[in-house]
């Protein structure tokens, strides 16, 4: 969104570029870059691990709030955005997540 990529710049494979960035130099594969001028912030693997920790906290919070509000366990539909933390498929989420979340309390 509103990112400018200058002519002759090469953006590697598997790269995340921040919104509003001015990409004026090459960006290597597997990285997260942003800014004006754009620079590499961190490797994609480090970003993935950081997001995974945050998403795990968010998923745990959601389960707690869901239990408080509805008085039962959330199903796969309620947890659809978190399936990648526990499974390769959203259809497998019910058992995997509830087993994990149940061990937290």
PDB file of N, CA and C in Angstrom:
ATOM      1  N   UNK A   1       0.841  -1.167   0.000  1.00  0.00           N
ATOM      2  CA  UNK A   1       0.000   0.000   0.000  1.00  0.00           C
ATOM      3  C   UNK A   1       0.892   1.237   0.000  1.00  0.00           C
ATOM      4  N   UNK A   2       0.759   2.040  -1.014  1.00  0.00           N
ATOM      5  CA  UNK A   2       1.531   3.277  -1.167  1.00  0.00           C
ATOM      6  C   UNK A   2       3.031   3.058  -1.066  1.00  0.00           C
ATOM      7  N   UNK A   3       3.505   1.941  -1.541  1.00  0.00           N
ATOM      8  CA  UNK A   3       4.935   1.653  -1.558  1.00  0.00           C
ATOM      9  C   UNK A   3       5.483   1.992  -2.940  1.00  0.00           C
ATOM     10  N   UNK A   4       6.648   2.622  -2.964  1.00  0.00           N
ATOM     11  CA  UNK A   4       7.291   2.971  -4.225  1.00  0.00           C
ATOM     12  C   UNK A   4       8.527   2.101  -4.409  1.00  0.00           C
ATOM     13  N   UNK A   5       8.610   1.453  -5.567  1.00  0.00           N
ATOM     14  CA  UNK A   5       9.764   0.610  -5.893  1.00  0.00           C
ATOM     15  C   UNK A   5      10.465   1.261  -7.081  1.00  0.00           C
ATOM     16  N   UNK A   6      11.700   1.684  -6.872  1.00  0.00           N
ATOM     17  CA  UNK A   6      12.439   2.362  -7.929  1.00  0.00           C
ATOM     18  C   UNK A   6      12.919   1.384  -8.999  1.00  0.00           C
ATOM     19  N   UNK A   7      13.093   1.930 -10.197  1.00  0.00           N
ATOM     20  CA  UNK A   7      13.534   1.144 -11.350  1.00  0.00           C
ATOM     21  C   UNK A   7      14.899   0.508 -11.073  1.00  0.00           C
ATOM     22  N   UNK A   8      15.035  -0.752 -11.476  1.00  0.00           N
ATOM     23  CA  UNK A   8      16.299  -1.455 -11.343  1.00  0.00           C
ATOM     24  C   UNK A   8      16.512  -2.150 -10.012  1.00  0.00           C
ATOM     25  N   UNK A   9      15.574  -1.977  -9.095  1.00  0.00           N
ATOM     26  CA  UNK A   9      15.686  -2.610  -7.776  1.00  0.00           C
ATOM     27  C   UNK A   9      15.181  -4.042  -7.870  1.00  0.00           C
ATOM     28  N   UNK A  10      15.870  -4.951  -7.211  1.00  0.00           N
ATOM     29  CA  UNK A  10      15.456  -6.357  -7.190  1.00  0.00           C
ATOM     30  C   UNK A  10      14.983  -6.706  -5.783  1.00  0.00           C
ATOM     31  N   UNK A  11      13.753  -7.212  -5.699  1.00  0.00           N
ATOM     32  CA  UNK A  11      13.202  -7.679  -4.428  1.00  0.00           C
ATOM     33  C   UNK A  11      13.246  -9.199  -4.470  1.00  0.00           C
ATOM     34  N   UNK A  12      13.927  -9.793  -3.497  1.00  0.00           N
ATOM     35  CA  UNK A  12      14.104 -11.238  -3.450  1.00  0.00           C
ATOM     36  C   UNK A  12      12.801 -11.992  -3.255  1.00  0.00           C
ATOM     37  N   UNK A  13      12.910 -13.291  -3.221  1.00  0.00           N
ATOM     38  CA  UNK A  13      11.753 -14.165  -3.009  1.00  0.00           C
ATOM     39  C   UNK A  13      11.417 -14.208  -1.525  1.00  0.00           C
ATOM     40  N   UNK A  14      10.112 -14.349  -1.239  1.00  0.00           N
ATOM     41  CA  UNK A  14       9.644 -14.536   0.135  1.00  0.00           C
ATOM     42  C   UNK A  14      10.003 -13.333   1.011  1.00  0.00           C
ATOM     43  N   UNK A  15       9.634 -12.136   0.539  1.00  0.00           N
ATOM     44  CA  UNK A  15       9.966 -10.881   1.212  1.00  0.00           C
ATOM     45  C   UNK A  15       8.686 -10.152   1.597  1.00  0.00           C
ATOM     46  N   UNK A  16       8.685  -9.533   2.766  1.00  0.00           N
ATOM     47  CA  UNK A  16       7.596  -8.660   3.191  1.00  0.00           C
ATOM     48  C   UNK A  16       8.134  -7.236   3.160  1.00  0.00           C
ATOM     49  N   UNK A  17       7.425  -6.354   2.432  1.00  0.00           N
ATOM     50  CA  UNK A  17       7.792  -4.941   2.363  1.00  0.00           C
ATOM     51  C   UNK A  17       6.714  -4.154   3.100  1.00  0.00           C
ATOM     52  N   UNK A  18       7.112  -3.294   4.020  1.00  0.00           N
ATOM     53  CA  UNK A  18       6.174  -2.496   4.800  1.00  0.00           C
ATOM     54  C   UNK A  18       5.449  -1.464   3.951  1.00  0.00           C
ATOM     55  N   UNK A  19       4.227  -1.153   4.334  1.00  0.00           N
ATOM     56  CA  UNK A  19       3.422  -0.153   3.642  1.00  0.00           C
ATOM     57  C   UNK A  19       4.119   1.204   3.687  1.00  0.00           C
ATOM     58  N   UNK A  20       4.018   1.944   2.594  1.00  0.00           N
ATOM     59  CA  UNK A  20       4.575   3.283   2.528  1.00  0.00           C
ATOM     60  C   UNK A  20       6.081   3.337   2.352  1.00  0.00           C
ATOM     61  N   UNK A  21       6.702   2.215   2.085  1.00  0.00           N
ATOM     62  CA  UNK A  21       8.165   2.172   1.953  1.00  0.00           C
ATOM     63  C   UNK A  21       8.618   2.715   0.601  1.00  0.00           C
ATOM     64  N   UNK A  22       9.836   3.226   0.570  1.00  0.00           N
ATOM     65  CA  UNK A  22      10.501   3.612  -0.666  1.00  0.00           C
ATOM     66  C   UNK A  22      11.645   2.627  -0.867  1.00  0.00           C
ATOM     67  N   UNK A  23      11.446   1.696  -1.795  1.00  0.00           N
ATOM     68  CA  UNK A  23      12.445   0.651  -2.039  1.00  0.00           C
ATOM     69  C   UNK A  23      13.424   1.185  -3.082  1.00  0.00           C
ATOM     70  N   UNK A  24      14.610   1.576  -2.610  1.00  0.00           N
ATOM     71  CA  UNK A  24      15.601   2.179  -3.497  1.00  0.00           C
ATOM     72  C   UNK A  24      16.870   1.338  -3.627  1.00  0.00           C
ATOM     73  N   UNK A  25      16.869   0.160  -3.014  1.00  0.00           N
ATOM     74  CA  UNK A  25      18.017  -0.759  -3.125  1.00  0.00           C
ATOM     75  C   UNK A  25      17.497  -2.191  -3.106  1.00  0.00           C
ATOM     76  N   UNK A  26      18.332  -3.117  -3.512  1.00  0.00           N
ATOM     77  CA  UNK A  26      17.950  -4.529  -3.554  1.00  0.00           C
ATOM     78  C   UNK A  26      17.622  -5.044  -2.155  1.00  0.00           C
ATOM     79  N   UNK A  27      16.618  -5.907  -2.093  1.00  0.00           N
ATOM     80  CA  UNK A  27      16.211  -6.539  -0.838  1.00  0.00           C
ATOM     81  C   UNK A  27      16.444  -8.043  -1.001  1.00  0.00           C
ATOM     82  N   UNK A  28      17.218  -8.653  -0.096  1.00  0.00           N
ATOM     83  CA  UNK A  28      17.538 -10.083  -0.243  1.00  0.00           C
ATOM     84  C   UNK A  28      16.341 -10.999   0.038  1.00  0.00           C
ATOM     85  N   UNK A  29      16.454 -12.239  -0.388  1.00  0.00           N
ATOM     86  CA  UNK A  29      15.428 -13.256  -0.126  1.00  0.00           C
ATOM     87  C   UNK A  29      15.172 -13.390   1.374  1.00  0.00           C
ATOM     88  N   UNK A  30      13.958 -13.841   1.699  1.00  0.00           N
ATOM     89  CA  UNK A  30      13.587 -14.211   3.073  1.00  0.00           C
ATOM     90  C   UNK A  30      13.874 -13.121   4.092  1.00  0.00           C
ATOM     91  N   UNK A  31      13.348 -11.926   3.827  1.00  0.00           N
ATOM     92  CA  UNK A  31      13.567 -10.838   4.768  1.00  0.00           C
ATOM     93  C   UNK A  31      12.325  -9.970   4.896  1.00  0.00           C
ATOM     94  N   UNK A  32      12.320  -9.149   5.946  1.00  0.00           N
ATOM     95  CA  UNK A  32      11.275  -8.161   6.184  1.00  0.00           C
ATOM     96  C   UNK A  32      11.958  -6.808   6.084  1.00  0.00           C
ATOM     97  N   UNK A  33      11.414  -5.924   5.247  1.00  0.00           N
ATOM     98  CA  UNK A  33      12.030  -4.624   5.029  1.00  0.00           C
ATOM     99  C   UNK A  33      10.962  -3.539   5.029  1.00  0.00           C
ATOM    100  N   UNK A  34      11.343  -2.344   5.475  1.00  0.00           N
ATOM    101  CA  UNK A  34      10.410  -1.221   5.498  1.00  0.00           C
ATOM    102  C   UNK A  34      11.191   0.071   5.662  1.00  0.00           C
ATOM    103  N   UNK A  35      10.504   1.169   5.444  1.00  0.00           N
ATOM    104  CA  UNK A  35      11.083   2.476   5.704  1.00  0.00           C
ATOM    105  C   UNK A  35      11.252   3.323   4.464  1.00  0.00           C
ATOM    106  N   UNK A  36      11.698   4.562   4.703  1.00  0.00           N
ATOM    107  CA  UNK A  36      11.957   5.515   3.642  1.00  0.00           C
ATOM    108  C   UNK A  36      13.290   6.189   3.933  1.00  0.00           C
ATOM    109  N   UNK A  37      14.376   5.668   3.395  1.00  0.00           N
ATOM    110  CA  UNK A  37      14.472   4.575   2.426  1.00  0.00           C
ATOM    111  C   UNK A  37      14.310   3.205   3.085  1.00  0.00           C
ATOM    112  N   UNK A  38      13.912   2.259   2.285  1.00  0.00           N
ATOM    113  CA  UNK A  38      13.654   0.901   2.771  1.00  0.00           C
ATOM    114  C   UNK A  38      14.950   0.211   3.183  1.00  0.00           C
ATOM    115  N   UNK A  39      14.905  -0.462   4.328  1.00  0.00           N
ATOM    116  CA  UNK A  39      16.054  -1.257   4.768  1.00  0.00           C
ATOM    117  C   UNK A  39      15.543  -2.547   5.396  1.00  0.00           C
ATOM    118  N   UNK A  40      16.385  -3.553   5.417  1.00  0.00           N
ATOM    119  CA  UNK A  40      16.020  -4.840   6.002  1.00  0.00           C
ATOM    120  C   UNK A  40      15.925  -4.667   7.513  1.00  0.00           C
ATOM    121  N   UNK A  41      14.789  -5.090   8.070  1.00  0.00           N
ATOM    122  CA  UNK A  41      14.556  -4.987   9.512  1.00  0.00           C
ATOM    123  C   UNK A  41      15.009  -6.255  10.221  1.00  0.00           C
ATOM    124  N   UNK A  42      14.649  -7.397   9.637  1.00  0.00           N
ATOM    125  CA  UNK A  42      15.028  -8.687  10.236  1.00  0.00           C
ATOM    126  C   UNK A  42      14.818  -9.791   9.215  1.00  0.00           C
ATOM    127  N   UNK A  43      15.442 -10.932   9.456  1.00  0.00           N
ATOM    128  CA  UNK A  43      15.180 -12.100   8.596  1.00  0.00           C
ATOM    129  C   UNK A  43      13.733 -12.562   8.773  1.00  0.00           C
ATOM    130  N   UNK A  44      13.169 -13.133   7.750  1.00  0.00           N
ATOM    131  CA  UNK A  44      11.789 -13.599   7.799  1.00  0.00           C
ATOM    132  C   UNK A  44      11.596 -14.656   8.875  1.00  0.00           C
ATOM    133  N   UNK A  45      12.580 -15.511   9.092  1.00  0.00           N
ATOM    134  CA  UNK A  45      12.465 -16.556  10.118  1.00  0.00           C
ATOM    135  C   UNK A  45      12.318 -15.940  11.514  1.00  0.00           C
ATOM    136  N   UNK A  46      13.039 -14.869  11.783  1.00  0.00           N
ATOM    137  CA  UNK A  46      12.939 -14.181  13.076  1.00  0.00           C
ATOM    138  C   UNK A  46      11.565 -13.520  13.229  1.00  0.00           C
ATOM    139  N   UNK A  47      11.073 -12.913  12.156  1.00  0.00           N
ATOM    140  CA  UNK A  47       9.743 -12.300  12.165  1.00  0.00           C
ATOM    141  C   UNK A  47       8.677 -13.362  12.424  1.00  0.00           C
ATOM    142  N   UNK A  48       8.812 -14.510  11.768  1.00  0.00           N
ATOM    143  CA  UNK A  48       7.863 -15.609  11.940  1.00  0.00           C
ATOM    144  C   UNK A  48       7.800 -16.050  13.400  1.00  0.00           C
ATOM    145  N   UNK A  49       8.949 -16.241  14.031  1.00  0.00           N
ATOM    146  CA  UNK A  49       8.985 -16.676  15.434  1.00  0.00           C
ATOM    147  C   UNK A  49       8.374 -15.626  16.355  1.00  0.00           C
ATOM    148  N   UNK A  50       8.652 -14.369  16.088  1.00  0.00           N
ATOM    149  CA  UNK A  50       8.084 -13.285  16.899  1.00  0.00           C
ATOM    150  C   UNK A  50       6.559 -13.264  16.772  1.00  0.00           C
ATOM    151  N   UNK A  51       6.055 -13.347  15.534  1.00  0.00           N
ATOM    152  CA  UNK A  51       4.604 -13.357  15.312  1.00  0.00           C
ATOM    153  C   UNK A  51       3.961 -14.594  15.923  1.00  0.00           C
ATOM    154  N   UNK A  52       4.632 -15.718  15.870  1.00  0.00           N
ATOM    155  CA  UNK A  52       4.093 -16.956  16.423  1.00  0.00           C
ATOM    156  C   UNK A  52       3.868 -16.813  17.925  1.00  0.00           C
ATOM    157  N   UNK A  53       4.819 -16.209  18.629  1.00  0.00           N
ATOM    158  CA  UNK A  53       4.672 -15.996  20.075  1.00  0.00           C
ATOM    159  C   UNK A  53       3.492 -15.081  20.375  1.00  0.00           C
ATOM    160  N   UNK A  54       3.375 -13.999  19.618  1.00  0.00           N
ATOM    161  CA  UNK A  54       2.275 -13.055  19.825  1.00  0.00           C
ATOM    162  C   UNK A  54       0.943 -13.728  19.512  1.00  0.00           C
ATOM    163  N   UNK A  55       0.884 -14.473  18.414  1.00  0.00           N
ATOM    164  CA  UNK A  55      -0.359 -15.150  18.042  1.00  0.00           C
ATOM    165  C   UNK A  55      -0.753 -16.199  19.076  1.00  0.00           C
ATOM    166  N   UNK A  56       0.206 -16.862  19.673  1.00  0.00           N
ATOM    167  CA  UNK A  56      -0.089 -17.843  20.714  1.00  0.00           C
ATOM    168  C   UNK A  56      -0.728 -17.157  21.919  1.00  0.00           C
ATOM    169  N   UNK A  57      -0.213 -15.995  22.288  1.00  0.00           N
ATOM    170  CA  UNK A  57      -0.808 -15.225  23.388  1.00  0.00           C
ATOM    171  C   UNK A  57      -2.224 -14.786  23.024  1.00  0.00           C
ATOM    172  N   UNK A  58      -2.412 -14.324  21.787  1.00  0.00           N
ATOM    173  CA  UNK A  58      -3.737 -13.894  21.338  1.00  0.00           C
ATOM    174  C   UNK A  58      -4.721 -15.062  21.318  1.00  0.00           C
ATOM    175  N   UNK A  59      -4.285 -16.221  20.872  1.00  0.00           N
ATOM    176  CA  UNK A  59      -5.155 -17.402  20.838  1.00  0.00           C
ATOM    177  C   UNK A  59      -5.564 -17.810  22.245  1.00  0.00           C
ATOM    178  N   UNK A  60      -4.620 -17.772  23.169  1.00  0.00           N
ATOM    179  CA  UNK A  60      -4.910 -18.123  24.558  1.00  0.00           C
ATOM    180  C   UNK A  60      -5.918 -17.149  25.156  1.00  0.00           C
ATOM    181  N   UNK A  61      -5.732 -15.862  24.885  1.00  0.00           N
ATOM    182  CA  UNK A  61      -6.668 -14.841  25.359  1.00  0.00           C
ATOM    183  C   UNK A  61      -8.064 -15.080  24.796  1.00  0.00           C
ATOM    184  N   UNK A  62      -8.127 -15.419  23.517  1.00  0.00           N
ATOM    185  CA  UNK A  62      -9.415 -15.665  22.878  1.00  0.00           C
ATOM    186  C   UNK A  62     -10.139 -16.828  23.540  1.00  0.00           C
ATOM    187  N   UNK A  63      -9.429 -17.906  23.837  1.00  0.00           N
ATOM    188  CA  UNK A  63     -10.045 -19.061  24.490  1.00  0.00           C
ATOM    189  C   UNK A  63     -10.586 -18.670  25.859  1.00  0.00           C
ATOM    190  N   UNK A  64      -9.819 -17.919  26.626  1.00  0.00           N
ATOM    191  CA  UNK A  64     -10.258 -17.491  27.961  1.00  0.00           C
ATOM    192  C   UNK A  64     -11.522 -16.645  27.848  1.00  0.00           C
ATOM    193  N   UNK A  65     -11.526 -15.661  26.957  1.00  0.00           N
ATOM    194  CA  UNK A  65     -12.689 -14.775  26.798  1.00  0.00           C
ATOM    195  C   UNK A  65     -13.897 -15.542  26.263  1.00  0.00           C
ATOM    196  N   UNK A  66     -13.656 -16.477  25.365  1.00  0.00           N
ATOM    197  CA  UNK A  66     -14.740 -17.284  24.815  1.00  0.00           C
ATOM    198  C   UNK A  66     -15.393 -18.106  25.922  1.00  0.00           C
ATOM    199  N   UNK A  67     -14.562 -18.728  26.761  1.00  0.00           N
ATOM    200  CA  UNK A  67     -15.091 -19.520  27.882  1.00  0.00           C
ATOM    201  C   UNK A  67     -15.907 -18.649  28.826  1.00  0.00           C
ATOM    202  N   UNK A  68     -15.408 -17.444  29.126  1.00  0.00           N
ATOM    203  CA  UNK A  68     -16.126 -16.532  30.028  1.00  0.00           C
ATOM    204  C   UNK A  68     -17.477 -16.133  29.448  1.00  0.00           C
ATOM    205  N   UNK A  69     -17.498 -15.831  28.159  1.00  0.00           N
ATOM    206  CA  UNK A  69     -18.719 -15.335  27.544  1.00  0.00           C
ATOM    207  C   UNK A  69     -19.742 -16.430  27.258  1.00  0.00           C
ATOM    208  N   UNK A  70     -19.284 -17.559  26.688  1.00  0.00           N
ATOM    209  CA  UNK A  70     -20.220 -18.591  26.239  1.00  0.00           C
ATOM    210  C   UNK A  70     -20.296 -19.810  27.153  1.00  0.00           C
ATOM    211  N   UNK A  71     -19.367 -19.951  28.071  1.00  0.00           N
ATOM    212  CA  UNK A  71     -19.401 -21.059  29.013  1.00  0.00           C
ATOM    213  C   UNK A  71     -19.026 -22.410  28.429  1.00  0.00           C
ATOM    214  N   UNK A  72     -18.423 -22.424  27.256  1.00  0.00           N
ATOM    215  CA  UNK A  72     -17.963 -23.684  26.668  1.00  0.00           C
ATOM    216  C   UNK A  72     -16.702 -23.444  25.840  1.00  0.00           C
ATOM    217  N   UNK A  73     -16.202 -24.533  25.242  1.00  0.00           N
ATOM    218  CA  UNK A  73     -14.960 -24.451  24.473  1.00  0.00           C
ATOM    219  C   UNK A  73     -15.217 -23.877  23.079  1.00  0.00           C
ATOM    220  N   UNK A  74     -14.308 -23.056  22.570  1.00  0.00           N
ATOM    221  CA  UNK A  74     -14.465 -22.549  21.206  1.00  0.00           C
ATOM    222  C   UNK A  74     -14.243 -23.659  20.182  1.00  0.00           C
ATOM    223  N   UNK A  75     -14.922 -23.554  19.049  1.00  0.00           N
ATOM    224  CA  UNK A  75     -14.733 -24.532  17.980  1.00  0.00           C
ATOM    225  C   UNK A  75     -13.775 -23.967  16.926  1.00  0.00           C
ATOM    226  N   UNK A  76     -13.566 -24.709  15.871  1.00  0.00           N
ATOM    227  CA  UNK A  76     -12.618 -24.314  14.823  1.00  0.00           C
ATOM    228  C   UNK A  76     -12.995 -22.987  14.169  1.00  0.00           C
ATOM    229  N   UNK A  77     -14.285 -22.712  14.061  1.00  0.00           N
ATOM    230  CA  UNK A  77     -14.691 -21.440  13.448  1.00  0.00           C
ATOM    231  C   UNK A  77     -14.234 -20.256  14.277  1.00  0.00           C
ATOM    232  N   UNK A  78     -14.302 -20.367  15.589  1.00  0.00           N
ATOM    233  CA  UNK A  78     -13.881 -19.272  16.463  1.00  0.00           C
ATOM    234  C   UNK A  78     -12.366 -19.090  16.451  1.00  0.00           C
ATOM    235  N   UNK A  79     -11.643 -20.152  16.131  1.00  0.00           N
ATOM    236  CA  UNK A  79     -10.178 -20.122  16.186  1.00  0.00           C
ATOM    237  C   UNK A  79      -9.525 -20.208  14.807  1.00  0.00           C
ATOM    238  N   UNK A  80     -10.283 -19.921  13.761  1.00  0.00           N
ATOM    239  CA  UNK A  80      -9.781 -20.138  12.401  1.00  0.00           C
ATOM    240  C   UNK A  80      -8.482 -19.401  12.088  1.00  0.00           C
ATOM    241  N   UNK A  81      -8.271 -18.223  12.627  1.00  0.00           N
ATOM    242  CA  UNK A  81      -7.054 -17.481  12.283  1.00  0.00           C
ATOM    243  C   UNK A  81      -5.806 -17.999  12.996  1.00  0.00           C
ATOM    244  N   UNK A  82      -5.985 -18.904  13.937  1.00  0.00           N
ATOM    245  CA  UNK A  82      -4.850 -19.431  14.698  1.00  0.00           C
ATOM    246  C   UNK A  82      -4.472 -20.858  14.313  1.00  0.00           C
ATOM    247  N   UNK A  83      -5.168 -21.456  13.341  1.00  0.00           N
ATOM    248  CA  UNK A  83      -4.926 -22.869  13.034  1.00  0.00           C
ATOM    249  C   UNK A  83      -3.472 -23.150  12.677  1.00  0.00           C
ATOM    250  N   UNK A  84      -2.810 -22.225  12.019  1.00  0.00           N
ATOM    251  CA  UNK A  84      -1.435 -22.466  11.559  1.00  0.00           C
ATOM    252  C   UNK A  84      -0.458 -22.681  12.712  1.00  0.00           C
ATOM    253  N   UNK A  85      -0.817 -22.257  13.915  1.00  0.00           N
ATOM    254  CA  UNK A  85       0.042 -22.469  15.078  1.00  0.00           C
ATOM    255  C   UNK A  85       0.091 -23.938  15.495  1.00  0.00           C
ATOM    256  N   UNK A  86      -0.965 -24.664  15.204  1.00  0.00           N
ATOM    257  CA  UNK A  86      -1.126 -26.011  15.742  1.00  0.00           C
ATOM    258  C   UNK A  86      -1.299 -27.100  14.702  1.00  0.00           C
ATOM    259  N   UNK A  87      -1.589 -26.717  13.467  1.00  0.00           N
ATOM    260  CA  UNK A  87      -1.949 -27.717  12.474  1.00  0.00           C
ATOM    261  C   UNK A  87      -1.698 -27.190  11.069  1.00  0.00           C
ATOM    262  N   UNK A  88      -1.604 -28.090  10.111  1.00  0.00           N
ATOM    263  CA  UNK A  88      -1.479 -27.698   8.715  1.00  0.00           C
ATOM    264  C   UNK A  88      -2.837 -27.463   8.072  1.00  0.00           C
ATOM    265  N   UNK A  89      -3.891 -27.832   8.758  1.00  0.00           N
ATOM    266  CA  UNK A  89      -5.226 -27.755   8.189  1.00  0.00           C
ATOM    267  C   UNK A  89      -6.221 -27.241   9.225  1.00  0.00           C
ATOM    268  N   UNK A  90      -7.085 -26.278   8.837  1.00  0.00           N
ATOM    269  CA  UNK A  90      -8.086 -25.777   9.785  1.00  0.00           C
ATOM    270  C   UNK A  90      -9.037 -26.863  10.279  1.00  0.00           C
ATOM    271  N   UNK A  91      -9.248 -27.917   9.469  1.00  0.00           N
ATOM    272  CA  UNK A  91     -10.162 -28.991   9.865  1.00  0.00           C
ATOM    273  C   UNK A  91      -9.646 -29.759  11.081  1.00  0.00           C
ATOM    274  N   UNK A  92      -8.340 -29.748  11.298  1.00  0.00           N
ATOM    275  CA  UNK A  92      -7.747 -30.472  12.425  1.00  0.00           C
ATOM    276  C   UNK A  92      -7.699 -29.628  13.695  1.00  0.00           C
ATOM    277  N   UNK A  93      -8.128 -28.396  13.629  1.00  0.00           N
ATOM    278  CA  UNK A  93      -7.941 -27.449  14.721  1.00  0.00           C
ATOM    279  C   UNK A  93      -8.669 -27.826  15.997  1.00  0.00           C
ATOM    280  N   UNK A  94      -9.889 -28.313  15.914  1.00  0.00           N
ATOM    281  CA  UNK A  94     -10.674 -28.580  17.126  1.00  0.00           C
ATOM    282  C   UNK A  94      -9.898 -29.368  18.166  1.00  0.00           C
ATOM    283  N   UNK A  95      -9.450 -30.541  17.822  1.00  0.00           N
ATOM    284  CA  UNK A  95      -8.764 -31.391  18.785  1.00  0.00           C
ATOM    285  C   UNK A  95      -7.406 -30.874  19.196  1.00  0.00           C
ATOM    286  N   UNK A  96      -6.629 -30.402  18.262  1.00  0.00           N
ATOM    287  CA  UNK A  96      -5.266 -29.964  18.553  1.00  0.00           C
ATOM    288  C   UNK A  96      -5.270 -28.763  19.481  1.00  0.00           C
ATOM    289  N   UNK A  97      -6.033 -27.735  19.144  1.00  0.00           N
ATOM    290  CA  UNK A  97      -6.001 -26.524  19.955  1.00  0.00           C
ATOM    291  C   UNK A  97      -6.597 -26.751  21.336  1.00  0.00           C
ATOM    292  N   UNK A  98      -7.702 -27.440  21.401  1.00  0.00           N
ATOM    293  CA  UNK A  98      -8.348 -27.622  22.699  1.00  0.00           C
ATOM    294  C   UNK A  98      -7.504 -28.476  23.630  1.00  0.00           C
ATOM    295  N   UNK A  99      -6.758 -29.414  23.089  1.00  0.00           N
ATOM    296  CA  UNK A  99      -5.839 -30.199  23.917  1.00  0.00           C
ATOM    297  C   UNK A  99      -4.770 -29.290  24.496  1.00  0.00           C
ATOM    298  N   UNK A 100      -4.211 -28.430  23.661  1.00  0.00           N
ATOM    299  CA  UNK A 100      -3.171 -27.504  24.117  1.00  0.00           C
ATOM    300  C   UNK A 100      -3.746 -26.501  25.121  1.00  0.00           C
ATOM    301  N   UNK A 101      -4.854 -25.857  24.763  1.00  0.00           N
ATOM    302  CA  UNK A 101      -5.434 -24.819  25.611  1.00  0.00           C
ATOM    303  C   UNK A 101      -5.890 -25.384  26.951  1.00  0.00           C
ATOM    304  N   UNK A 102      -6.385 -26.604  26.944  1.00  0.00           N
ATOM    305  CA  UNK A 102      -6.819 -27.230  28.190  1.00  0.00           C
ATOM    306  C   UNK A 102      -5.679 -27.432  29.166  1.00  0.00           C
ATOM    307  N   UNK A 103      -4.473 -27.606  28.650  1.00  0.00           N
ATOM    308  CA  UNK A 103      -3.324 -27.812  29.536  1.00  0.00           C
ATOM    309  C   UNK A 103      -2.860 -26.510  30.180  1.00  0.00           C
ATOM    310  N   UNK A 104      -3.382 -25.386  29.733  1.00  0.00           N
ATOM    311  CA  UNK A 104      -2.978 -24.096  30.301  1.00  0.00           C
ATOM    312  C   UNK A 104      -3.715 -23.777  31.596  1.00  0.00           C
ATOM    313  N   UNK A 105      -4.852 -24.479  31.834  1.00  0.00           N
ATOM    314  CA  UNK A 105      -5.645 -24.158  33.025  1.00  0.00           C
ATOM    315  C   UNK A 105      -5.759 -25.326  33.957  1.00  0.00           C
TER     316      UNK A 105
END
